[in-house]
Amino acid sequence: MSNFSDKRNQPRIIVIGAGIGGLTAGALLAHRGYNVLILDQAIVPGGCASTFKRQGFTFDVGATQVAGLEPGGIHHRIFSELEIDLPPATPCDPACAVYLPGEVTPINVWRDPEKWREERQRQFPGSEGFWQLLATLFNPSWEFQGRDPVLPPRNLWDLWQLTKALRPNTLITAPFTFMTVGDALRLYGLGNDYRLRTFLDLQLKLYSQVNAEETALLYAATALSVSQLPQGLFHLQGSMQVLSDRLVESLQRDGGKLLMRHTVEQIQVENGQAIGVVIKNQKTGEISTQAADHVVANVTVQNLVQLLGNKTPSGYQQRVEKLPPSSGAFVVYLGVDASAIPANCPPHLQFMYDANGTIGENNSLFVSVSHPGDGRAPEGKATIIASSFVNTTPWEKSQDYPGLKQQYTQEAISRLSEYFHLKPETIIHVEAATPRTFANYTARDRGIVGGIGQRIPTFGPFGFANRTPINHLWLVGDSTHPGEGTAGVSYSALTVVRQICQSNRHLQEKR
């Protein structure tokens, strides 16, 4: 029996994973007339951008801010095509308040470009040449991305899309393709500026998963500039879940189907082409197969290899196996009395601590704080979500997992207490998530978060393509260009939708 809708004679698309990338691809394909079925093993859609509720508090699981809501931004473009309203949101200003070790005055990443220029010149004297280089690279790169290039290209159509997106000013970026942020710092005599490098390491870890020494300069130029007008980061009203909910409504309005608590256990391949999937119903334990004309995998590249098993092309498998380890996350979720929040607290903060203790690989916490009336906490209350990147191995191998989790939780609260007024009487709810938690709820391999790292060999033109070596099998999500975040995975979804539509036009012409 088919799980698809009754859109007869339309190509059948199975989407594995109801994260933002999968939901966006599914909603767009359904809107364009395809027969779409999305499968996810979790309870609620959204993946790392979903939410959960406790004692009247609503906590964003992972992602806490959104880019691309401005006119012309990727979410604005996609929601316009789907003919649905963007969720209400407020700009994050500052986008982040960054506290370096031992400092009590933050570096505020302001939304206004002039205000941010004054801030960084005051904070990092002598560095403006470096920042101007980023601006010089950002503008043509952003315009190039807005023309929807396919990166990396894997056939003539992909290459044509890439070529059409090129302009003379795009060539400005070419000499910097193989440079890292560390290279650029040395170019401007800033290689030993510890304070600037520390700030860049903190910010880039959020966006590229790796530090300044390893992050590709062209990627960093965008990641470090997108916080300013006319772009910006936004705080959604209600929760991150509203993004998923609207995509689900669009999908179902256009005849697509979403099945939660259904795990895809295998992608079926015949003669080098994806032909369907093996599904396990989590409620009943029933195993079934479902045929499809295309399979869109909103999974990590590591999970994709597992789903293909012995059908994985050997070169592809070897490339995945050689990837540097990806990070997991430790997250503590606090429901607190509003008195725990200092006056004029920014919505997003980043703290780096002196190198002692167990928290995180770089001893830092990224913190998101709810606003009064933003739908995340009852009146007079607030939420604090603090996350740190961690190595997944200790969590996999721990002989005392509850003890390790408790140790990290206590240390995180102790660190946060240096800024917030956290006492037994102000803390109402405490909960923590580890790589094991993320592996359990999102099915991401080892609970890794945020993609594969935007190093030179894995960013943009050198990264993993949406078009996999298996015909009619497509990859979306943070393993592909342009990387992590709801905006990044939505770009990858739009690319795959365009590729599928083109391939079906080609097939129809042949018939």
Protein backbone atom coordinates (compact mmCIF):
# COMPACT_ATOMS: atom_id res chain seq x y z
CA MET A 1 0.00 0.00 0.00
CA SER A 2 1.35 3.44 -0.97
CA ASN A 3 1.96 6.17 1.59
CA PHE A 4 1.76 8.82 -1.13
CA SER A 5 -1.17 11.11 -1.84
CA ASP A 6 -3.46 10.62 -4.85
CA LYS A 7 -1.51 12.94 -7.20
CA ARG A 8 -1.59 10.47 -10.04
CA ASN A 9 1.07 10.29 -12.73
CA GLN A 10 3.27 12.75 -10.82
CA PRO A 11 6.85 11.78 -9.92
CA ARG A 12 7.03 10.40 -6.38
CA ILE A 13 9.58 12.01 -4.09
CA ILE A 14 10.59 10.54 -0.72
CA VAL A 15 12.31 12.99 1.62
CA ILE A 16 14.29 11.42 4.47
CA GLY A 17 14.27 13.77 7.46
CA ALA A 18 11.91 16.58 8.47
CA GLY A 19 14.58 19.11 9.40
CA ILE A 20 14.33 22.56 7.83
CA GLY A 21 16.20 21.36 4.72
CA GLY A 22 13.89 18.39 4.21
CA LEU A 23 10.70 20.34 4.94
CA THR A 24 11.76 23.13 2.57
CA ALA A 25 12.57 20.69 -0.25
CA GLY A 26 9.32 18.79 0.34
CA ALA A 27 7.13 21.89 0.52
CA LEU A 28 8.66 23.39 -2.64
CA LEU A 29 8.34 20.13 -4.60
CA ALA A 30 4.72 19.63 -3.49
CA HIS A 31 3.96 23.23 -4.49
CA ARG A 32 5.46 22.51 -7.91
CA GLY A 33 3.14 19.54 -8.37
CA TYR A 34 5.21 16.58 -7.22
CA ASN A 35 3.91 13.71 -5.10
CA VAL A 36 5.87 14.13 -1.86
CA LEU A 37 6.25 11.95 1.22
CA ILE A 38 8.48 13.11 4.10
CA LEU A 39 9.58 10.55 6.70
CA ASP A 40 11.17 11.30 10.08
CA GLN A 41 11.89 9.16 13.13
CA ALA A 42 11.29 11.97 15.66
CA ILE A 43 8.07 12.99 17.41
CA VAL A 44 7.93 16.53 16.01
CA PRO A 45 9.33 18.03 12.78
CA GLY A 46 12.13 20.57 12.70
CA GLY A 47 15.22 18.51 13.51
CA CYS A 48 17.80 20.69 15.25
CA ALA A 49 15.44 23.66 14.83
CA SER A 50 12.53 22.10 16.76
CA THR A 51 11.35 22.82 20.31
CA PHE A 52 10.11 21.14 23.46
CA LYS A 53 7.96 22.37 26.36
CA ARG A 54 8.47 22.03 30.12
CA GLN A 55 6.50 23.66 32.98
CA GLY A 56 5.17 26.42 30.73
CA PHE A 57 8.56 27.11 29.12
CA THR A 58 9.28 26.58 25.41
CA PHE A 59 12.89 25.70 24.60
CA ASP A 60 14.51 25.85 21.18
CA VAL A 61 16.38 22.55 20.85
CA GLY A 62 19.41 23.79 18.91
CA ALA A 63 19.09 26.66 16.46
CA THR A 64 17.96 29.87 18.17
CA GLN A 65 18.32 32.57 15.49
CA VAL A 66 17.45 32.84 11.81
CA ALA A 67 19.05 34.58 8.82
CA GLY A 68 17.39 35.20 5.47
CA LEU A 69 14.07 36.77 6.54
CA GLU A 70 14.86 40.15 4.93
CA PRO A 71 13.45 40.93 1.44
CA GLY A 72 15.48 38.90 -1.01
CA GLY A 73 16.74 36.60 1.76
CA ILE A 74 16.42 32.86 1.24
CA HIS A 75 13.50 32.32 3.65
CA HIS A 76 11.74 35.38 2.22
CA ARG A 77 12.16 33.98 -1.31
CA ILE A 78 10.98 30.47 -0.40
CA PHE A 79 7.99 31.60 1.66
CA SER A 80 6.98 33.96 -1.18
CA GLU A 81 7.06 31.08 -3.68
CA LEU A 82 5.02 28.92 -1.29
CA GLU A 83 2.56 31.80 -0.80
CA ILE A 84 2.75 31.62 2.97
CA ASP A 85 3.53 34.37 5.48
CA LEU A 86 6.90 34.65 7.13
CA PRO A 87 6.70 34.20 10.90
CA PRO A 88 6.89 37.40 12.98
CA ALA A 89 10.43 38.12 14.11
CA THR A 90 12.56 40.84 15.67
CA PRO A 91 16.08 41.70 14.46
CA CYS A 92 18.91 40.69 16.79
CA ASP A 93 20.79 43.87 17.65
CA PRO A 94 23.46 43.23 18.67
CA ALA A 95 23.57 39.91 16.85
CA CYS A 96 25.84 38.75 19.64
CA ALA A 97 27.58 40.21 22.70
CA VAL A 98 30.94 38.46 22.99
CA TYR A 99 32.81 38.31 26.32
CA LEU A 100 36.47 37.36 26.09
CA PRO A 101 38.27 35.70 29.04
CA GLY A 102 38.53 37.97 32.07
CA GLU A 103 36.69 40.86 30.40
CA VAL A 104 33.48 42.44 31.70
CA THR A 105 32.73 44.66 28.68
CA PRO A 106 31.42 42.78 25.63
CA ILE A 107 32.31 43.12 21.98
CA ASN A 108 28.90 43.95 20.50
CA VAL A 109 28.29 42.76 16.93
CA TRP A 110 25.91 45.55 15.94
CA ARG A 111 23.42 45.31 13.08
CA ASP A 112 24.17 48.83 11.84
CA PRO A 113 27.31 48.58 9.65
CA GLU A 114 28.72 51.94 10.77
CA LYS A 115 28.12 51.19 14.43
CA TRP A 116 29.83 47.80 13.99
CA ARG A 117 32.77 49.46 12.22
CA GLU A 118 33.24 51.87 15.15
CA GLU A 119 32.96 48.99 17.62
CA ARG A 120 35.59 46.79 15.96
CA GLN A 121 38.00 49.72 15.44
CA ARG A 122 37.78 50.47 19.14
CA GLN A 123 38.07 46.81 20.15
CA PHE A 124 40.76 45.78 17.64
CA PRO A 125 42.94 48.80 16.74
CA GLY A 126 44.89 48.40 13.51
CA SER A 127 42.64 45.64 12.13
CA GLU A 128 40.45 47.65 9.75
CA GLY A 129 42.37 46.51 6.67
CA PHE A 130 41.40 42.91 7.50
CA TRP A 131 37.73 43.85 7.95
CA GLN A 132 37.74 45.82 4.69
CA LEU A 133 39.07 42.73 2.92
CA LEU A 134 36.11 40.76 4.30
CA ALA A 135 33.72 43.45 3.02
CA THR A 136 35.39 43.44 -0.41
CA LEU A 137 34.94 39.67 -0.63
CA PHE A 138 31.46 39.59 0.91
CA ASN A 139 29.63 41.84 -1.56
CA PRO A 140 30.43 39.93 -4.78
CA SER A 141 30.13 36.59 -2.95
CA TRP A 142 26.67 37.48 -1.62
CA GLU A 143 25.48 38.68 -5.03
CA PHE A 144 26.89 35.49 -6.60
CA GLN A 145 25.04 33.29 -4.09
CA GLY A 146 21.83 35.24 -4.73
CA ARG A 147 21.96 34.18 -8.39
CA ASP A 148 21.62 30.51 -7.31
CA PRO A 149 24.84 28.88 -8.48
CA VAL A 150 25.11 25.11 -8.10
CA LEU A 151 28.21 24.28 -6.07
CA PRO A 152 29.98 22.02 -6.62
CA PRO A 153 28.72 21.28 -10.15
CA ARG A 154 28.37 17.63 -11.16
CA ASN A 155 26.98 17.79 -14.70
CA LEU A 156 26.61 20.25 -17.58
CA TRP A 157 23.36 21.74 -16.24
CA ASP A 158 24.96 22.38 -12.84
CA LEU A 159 27.96 23.96 -14.57
CA TRP A 160 25.65 26.18 -16.65
CA GLN A 161 23.90 27.42 -13.49
CA LEU A 162 27.28 28.19 -11.97
CA THR A 163 28.45 29.98 -15.11
CA LYS A 164 25.25 32.08 -15.29
CA ALA A 165 25.83 33.26 -11.72
CA LEU A 166 29.32 34.59 -12.48
CA ARG A 167 29.94 38.29 -13.06
CA PRO A 168 33.17 40.23 -13.61
CA ASN A 169 33.20 41.28 -9.91
CA THR A 170 32.96 37.61 -8.87
CA LEU A 171 36.53 37.24 -10.15
CA ILE A 172 37.70 39.52 -7.32
CA THR A 173 37.23 36.57 -4.99
CA ALA A 174 39.18 34.04 -7.09
CA PRO A 175 42.69 34.78 -5.73
CA PHE A 176 41.41 34.17 -2.19
CA THR A 177 39.80 30.77 -2.85
CA PHE A 178 42.57 28.81 -1.16
CA MET A 179 43.14 31.17 1.76
CA THR A 180 41.97 30.71 5.33
CA VAL A 181 41.12 33.44 7.84
CA GLY A 182 44.45 32.69 9.51
CA ASP A 183 46.24 33.42 6.22
CA ALA A 184 44.39 36.75 5.91
CA LEU A 185 45.32 37.74 9.47
CA ARG A 186 48.98 37.12 8.71
CA LEU A 187 48.64 39.07 5.44
CA TYR A 188 47.64 42.13 7.48
CA GLY A 189 50.25 41.59 10.20
CA LEU A 190 47.59 40.41 12.68
CA GLY A 191 48.71 36.80 13.04
CA ASN A 192 49.75 37.35 16.65
CA ASP A 193 46.80 39.51 17.69
CA TYR A 194 45.51 37.09 20.34
CA ARG A 195 42.41 39.09 21.20
CA LEU A 196 41.22 39.41 17.61
CA ARG A 197 41.97 35.78 16.87
CA THR A 198 40.10 34.67 19.99
CA PHE A 199 37.04 36.69 18.94
CA LEU A 200 37.17 35.26 15.41
CA ASP A 201 37.61 31.70 16.72
CA LEU A 202 34.49 32.10 18.87
CA GLN A 203 32.33 33.56 16.12
CA LEU A 204 33.52 31.24 13.37
CA LYS A 205 33.03 28.13 15.48
CA LEU A 206 29.30 29.01 15.50
CA TYR A 207 29.08 29.35 11.73
CA SER A 208 31.81 27.20 10.19
CA GLN A 209 32.40 24.62 12.98
CA VAL A 210 36.15 25.29 12.87
CA ASN A 211 38.47 28.07 14.07
CA ALA A 212 40.01 31.00 12.20
CA GLU A 213 43.13 29.05 11.25
CA GLU A 214 41.05 26.45 9.39
CA THR A 215 37.99 28.35 8.12
CA ALA A 216 37.97 29.13 4.40
CA LEU A 217 38.28 32.91 3.99
CA LEU A 218 35.50 33.21 1.38
CA TYR A 219 33.07 31.38 3.67
CA ALA A 220 34.09 33.54 6.65
CA ALA A 221 33.57 36.73 4.64
CA THR A 222 29.88 35.85 4.42
CA ALA A 223 29.49 34.34 7.89
CA LEU A 224 31.03 37.38 9.59
CA SER A 225 29.11 39.94 7.50
CA VAL A 226 25.59 38.54 7.37
CA SER A 227 24.73 40.02 10.81
CA GLN A 228 24.70 43.57 9.38
CA LEU A 229 22.10 45.45 7.38
CA PRO A 230 20.66 45.00 4.81
CA GLN A 231 20.89 41.38 6.02
CA GLY A 232 20.68 40.44 9.67
CA LEU A 233 19.89 37.75 12.21
CA PHE A 234 16.37 37.44 13.63
CA HIS A 235 14.67 36.15 16.77
CA LEU A 236 11.38 34.40 15.93
CA GLN A 237 8.23 35.18 17.83
CA GLY A 238 6.93 32.07 19.61
CA SER A 239 9.81 29.68 18.96
CA MET A 240 11.94 28.21 16.17
CA GLN A 241 9.13 25.67 15.69
CA VAL A 242 7.00 28.21 13.82
CA LEU A 243 9.36 27.92 10.85
CA SER A 244 8.76 24.16 10.63
CA ASP A 245 5.03 24.48 11.29
CA ARG A 246 4.51 26.85 8.35
CA LEU A 247 6.47 24.61 6.00
CA VAL A 248 4.40 21.60 7.13
CA GLU A 249 1.16 23.54 6.55
CA SER A 250 2.34 24.43 3.03
CA LEU A 251 3.36 20.83 2.32
CA GLN A 252 -0.01 19.43 3.40
CA ARG A 253 -1.99 22.18 1.66
CA ASP A 254 -0.31 21.17 -1.60
CA GLY A 255 -1.01 17.46 -1.16
CA GLY A 256 2.28 16.33 0.40
CA LYS A 257 2.39 13.92 3.34
CA LEU A 258 4.50 13.90 6.50
CA LEU A 259 4.89 10.76 8.60
CA MET A 260 6.63 11.18 11.96
CA ARG A 261 7.92 8.22 13.99
CA HIS A 262 8.91 6.47 10.75
CA THR A 263 12.60 5.60 10.41
CA VAL A 264 14.22 5.07 7.03
CA GLU A 265 16.53 2.11 7.55
CA GLN A 266 17.89 1.75 4.03
CA ILE A 267 17.96 3.49 0.66
CA GLN A 268 17.30 0.95 -2.09
CA VAL A 269 19.54 1.18 -5.16
CA GLU A 270 19.35 -0.72 -8.44
CA ASN A 271 21.68 -0.24 -11.40
CA GLY A 272 23.19 2.86 -9.82
CA GLN A 273 19.83 4.55 -9.22
CA ALA A 274 17.80 5.14 -6.05
CA ILE A 275 14.45 3.37 -6.39
CA GLY A 276 12.95 3.57 -2.90
CA VAL A 277 13.48 3.10 0.83
CA VAL A 278 12.97 0.58 3.62
CA ILE A 279 10.86 2.08 6.42
CA LYS A 280 10.31 1.07 10.04
CA ASN A 281 7.14 2.28 11.78
CA GLN A 282 8.33 3.20 15.29
CA LYS A 283 4.89 2.72 16.81
CA THR A 284 4.17 -0.76 15.45
CA GLY A 285 7.62 -2.07 14.55
CA GLU A 286 6.33 -2.89 11.06
CA ILE A 287 8.94 -2.91 8.26
CA SER A 288 7.82 -1.88 4.75
CA THR A 289 9.27 -0.70 1.47
CA GLN A 290 8.23 2.34 -0.51
CA ALA A 291 9.17 2.93 -4.14
CA ALA A 292 10.08 6.42 -5.34
CA ASP A 293 11.26 8.22 -8.46
CA HIS A 294 13.63 10.40 -6.41
CA VAL A 295 14.98 10.21 -2.86
CA VAL A 296 16.02 13.41 -1.08
CA ALA A 297 18.18 12.74 1.99
CA ASN A 298 18.12 15.50 4.61
CA VAL A 299 20.79 13.71 6.65
CA THR A 300 24.48 14.06 7.43
CA VAL A 301 26.86 12.69 4.82
CA GLN A 302 27.90 10.10 7.42
CA ASN A 303 24.28 8.95 7.79
CA LEU A 304 23.91 8.82 4.02
CA VAL A 305 26.75 6.28 3.76
CA GLN A 306 25.08 4.19 6.47
CA LEU A 307 21.74 4.25 4.64
CA LEU A 308 23.37 3.15 1.40
CA GLY A 309 25.43 0.36 3.02
CA ASN A 310 27.27 -1.70 0.42
CA LYS A 311 25.69 0.39 -2.35
CA THR A 312 27.89 3.36 -1.40
CA PRO A 313 30.42 4.12 -4.17
CA SER A 314 33.87 3.31 -2.75
CA GLY A 315 35.37 6.73 -3.51
CA TYR A 316 32.47 8.48 -1.79
CA GLN A 317 32.77 6.25 1.27
CA GLN A 318 36.50 6.84 1.52
CA ARG A 319 36.01 10.60 1.34
CA VAL A 320 33.47 10.51 4.17
CA GLU A 321 35.69 8.27 6.30
CA LYS A 322 38.62 10.69 5.89
CA LEU A 323 36.65 13.71 7.15
CA PRO A 324 37.99 15.24 10.39
CA PRO A 325 35.72 14.45 13.36
CA SER A 326 32.68 16.71 13.60
CA SER A 327 31.61 18.29 16.87
CA GLY A 328 28.69 17.42 19.07
CA ALA A 329 26.95 19.80 21.44
CA PHE A 330 26.27 20.00 25.14
CA VAL A 331 23.24 22.22 25.84
CA VAL A 332 21.72 23.28 29.14
CA TYR A 333 18.13 24.56 29.15
CA LEU A 334 17.12 26.77 32.08
CA GLY A 335 13.67 28.05 32.95
CA VAL A 336 14.19 30.95 35.35
CA ASP A 337 12.49 33.79 37.12
CA ALA A 338 12.84 37.05 35.20
CA SER A 339 14.89 38.45 38.10
CA ALA A 340 17.73 36.14 36.99
CA ILE A 341 18.18 38.18 33.78
CA PRO A 342 20.33 41.33 34.05
CA ALA A 343 18.88 44.61 32.79
CA ASN A 344 19.36 45.26 29.05
CA CYS A 345 20.52 41.70 28.46
CA PRO A 346 21.18 41.05 24.73
CA PRO A 347 19.29 38.15 23.13
CA HIS A 348 22.51 36.30 22.28
CA LEU A 349 25.79 36.20 24.18
CA GLN A 350 29.03 34.32 23.88
CA PHE A 351 31.38 33.72 26.77
CA MET A 352 34.90 32.37 26.63
CA TYR A 353 36.51 31.28 29.87
CA ASP A 354 40.10 30.73 30.93
CA ALA A 355 41.25 27.27 29.89
CA ASN A 356 40.29 25.22 32.90
CA GLY A 357 37.26 23.02 33.47
CA THR A 358 35.45 20.60 31.21
CA ILE A 359 33.04 22.75 29.19
CA GLY A 360 33.52 22.48 25.48
CA GLU A 361 36.47 22.16 23.15
CA ASN A 362 37.19 25.88 23.25
CA ASN A 363 35.88 26.51 26.78
CA SER A 364 33.04 28.70 25.58
CA LEU A 365 29.28 28.99 25.87
CA PHE A 366 26.86 30.43 23.31
CA VAL A 367 23.79 31.70 25.15
CA SER A 368 20.29 32.62 23.95
CA VAL A 369 17.89 34.47 26.25
CA SER A 370 14.15 34.86 25.72
CA HIS A 371 12.51 38.28 25.55
CA PRO A 372 9.45 39.30 27.60
CA GLY A 373 6.37 38.44 25.52
CA ASP A 374 8.21 36.39 22.87
CA GLY A 375 6.17 33.26 23.65
CA ARG A 376 8.94 31.22 25.24
CA ALA A 377 8.17 31.77 28.92
CA PRO A 378 5.23 32.66 31.17
CA GLU A 379 4.94 36.27 32.33
CA GLY A 380 7.66 37.11 34.82
CA LYS A 381 9.80 34.18 33.67
CA ALA A 382 12.49 33.63 31.03
CA THR A 383 14.49 30.91 29.30
CA ILE A 384 18.28 30.66 29.08
CA ILE A 385 19.78 28.19 26.60
CA ALA A 386 23.55 27.72 26.73
CA SER A 387 25.45 25.46 24.35
CA SER A 388 29.03 24.40 23.84
CA PHE A 389 30.71 22.30 21.17
CA VAL A 390 32.11 19.04 22.52
CA ASN A 391 33.97 15.98 21.33
CA THR A 392 31.43 13.16 20.86
CA THR A 393 33.82 10.33 21.85
CA PRO A 394 33.72 10.76 25.67
CA TRP A 395 29.93 10.70 25.53
CA GLU A 396 29.88 7.52 23.46
CA LYS A 397 32.36 5.71 25.70
CA SER A 398 31.50 7.11 29.14
CA GLN A 399 31.13 4.49 31.88
CA ASP A 400 29.14 7.01 33.95
CA TYR A 401 26.98 8.92 31.49
CA PRO A 402 24.60 10.41 34.14
CA GLY A 403 27.59 11.56 36.18
CA LEU A 404 29.29 13.18 33.18
CA LYS A 405 26.05 14.92 32.21
CA GLN A 406 25.60 16.22 35.77
CA GLN A 407 29.19 17.44 35.89
CA TYR A 408 28.78 19.43 32.67
CA THR A 409 25.43 20.81 33.82
CA GLN A 410 26.78 22.04 37.14
CA GLU A 411 29.80 23.62 35.54
CA ALA A 412 27.67 25.37 32.89
CA ILE A 413 25.37 26.82 35.57
CA SER A 414 28.40 27.90 37.59
CA ARG A 415 29.83 29.69 34.56
CA LEU A 416 26.50 31.30 33.70
CA SER A 417 26.14 32.50 37.29
CA GLU A 418 29.02 34.91 36.67
CA TYR A 419 26.63 36.91 34.44
CA PHE A 420 23.08 35.82 35.33
CA HIS A 421 21.55 35.88 38.82
CA LEU A 422 21.23 32.11 39.13
CA LYS A 423 20.31 30.85 42.59
CA PRO A 424 18.11 28.01 43.80
CA GLU A 425 15.24 30.47 44.19
CA THR A 426 15.54 31.85 40.62
CA ILE A 427 16.05 28.53 38.78
CA ILE A 428 12.71 26.84 38.06
CA HIS A 429 13.68 24.14 35.54
CA VAL A 430 16.99 22.57 34.50
CA GLU A 431 17.50 20.12 31.64
CA ALA A 432 20.51 19.19 29.53
CA ALA A 433 21.19 17.60 26.15
CA THR A 434 24.36 15.82 25.08
CA PRO A 435 25.56 14.23 21.83
CA ARG A 436 23.69 11.10 22.94
CA THR A 437 20.51 13.15 23.24
CA PHE A 438 20.91 14.61 19.76
CA ALA A 439 21.70 11.16 18.32
CA ASN A 440 18.53 9.79 19.91
CA TYR A 441 16.14 12.56 18.85
CA THR A 442 17.59 13.66 15.50
CA ALA A 443 19.27 10.37 14.41
CA ARG A 444 22.33 12.38 13.36
CA ASP A 445 25.43 10.19 13.39
CA ARG A 446 26.95 10.26 16.91
CA GLY A 447 24.81 13.33 17.62
CA ILE A 448 27.05 15.65 15.57
CA VAL A 449 25.76 19.14 14.87
CA GLY A 450 26.42 21.91 12.39
CA GLY A 451 27.87 20.12 9.39
CA ILE A 452 31.34 19.02 8.38
CA GLY A 453 33.38 22.18 8.88
CA GLN A 454 34.02 24.89 6.30
CA ARG A 455 37.68 24.12 5.65
CA ILE A 456 39.23 24.65 2.21
CA PRO A 457 38.68 21.01 1.07
CA THR A 458 35.03 20.96 2.17
CA PHE A 459 33.56 24.40 1.45
CA GLY A 460 31.75 25.68 -1.65
CA PRO A 461 33.40 24.43 -4.86
CA PHE A 462 35.20 21.61 -3.02
CA GLY A 463 32.38 20.37 -0.80
CA PHE A 464 29.87 17.53 -1.04
CA ALA A 465 27.46 18.02 -3.93
CA ASN A 466 23.68 17.89 -3.65
CA ARG A 467 23.79 15.58 -6.66
CA THR A 468 25.19 12.31 -5.23
CA PRO A 469 26.98 9.63 -7.30
CA ILE A 470 23.73 7.60 -7.14
CA ASN A 471 21.24 8.74 -9.80
CA HIS A 472 18.00 10.24 -8.41
CA LEU A 473 19.50 10.42 -4.89
CA TRP A 474 19.96 13.95 -3.59
CA LEU A 475 21.61 15.30 -0.44
CA VAL A 476 20.38 18.40 1.40
CA GLY A 477 21.37 19.84 4.74
CA ASP A 478 24.47 21.12 6.48
CA SER A 479 26.86 18.63 4.85
CA THR A 480 26.38 20.50 1.55
CA HIS A 481 26.85 24.05 0.23
CA PRO A 482 26.47 26.59 1.76
CA GLY A 483 26.63 24.88 5.16
CA GLU A 484 24.83 25.10 8.48
CA GLY A 485 21.94 27.16 9.81
CA THR A 486 18.35 27.35 8.63
CA ALA A 487 19.32 29.71 5.78
CA GLY A 488 22.14 27.44 4.62
CA VAL A 489 20.08 24.25 4.54
CA SER A 490 17.23 26.09 2.81
CA TYR A 491 19.63 27.11 0.02
CA SER A 492 20.64 23.48 -0.38
CA ALA A 493 16.96 22.47 -0.54
CA LEU A 494 16.22 25.05 -3.25
CA THR A 495 19.19 23.78 -5.27
CA VAL A 496 17.91 20.19 -5.14
CA VAL A 497 14.38 21.25 -6.08
CA ARG A 498 15.74 23.03 -9.16
CA GLN A 499 17.87 20.01 -10.07
CA ILE A 500 14.95 17.58 -9.74
CA CYS A 501 12.66 19.82 -11.80
CA GLN A 502 15.32 20.09 -14.52
CA SER A 503 15.95 16.34 -14.57
CA ASN A 504 12.23 15.62 -14.94
CA ARG A 505 11.89 18.10 -17.79
CA HIS A 506 14.76 16.27 -19.45
CA LEU A 507 13.04 12.90 -18.97
CA GLN A 508 9.74 14.20 -20.31
CA GLU A 509 11.49 15.59 -23.40
CA LYS A 510 13.09 12.17 -24.02
CA ARG A 511 9.71 10.48 -23.84
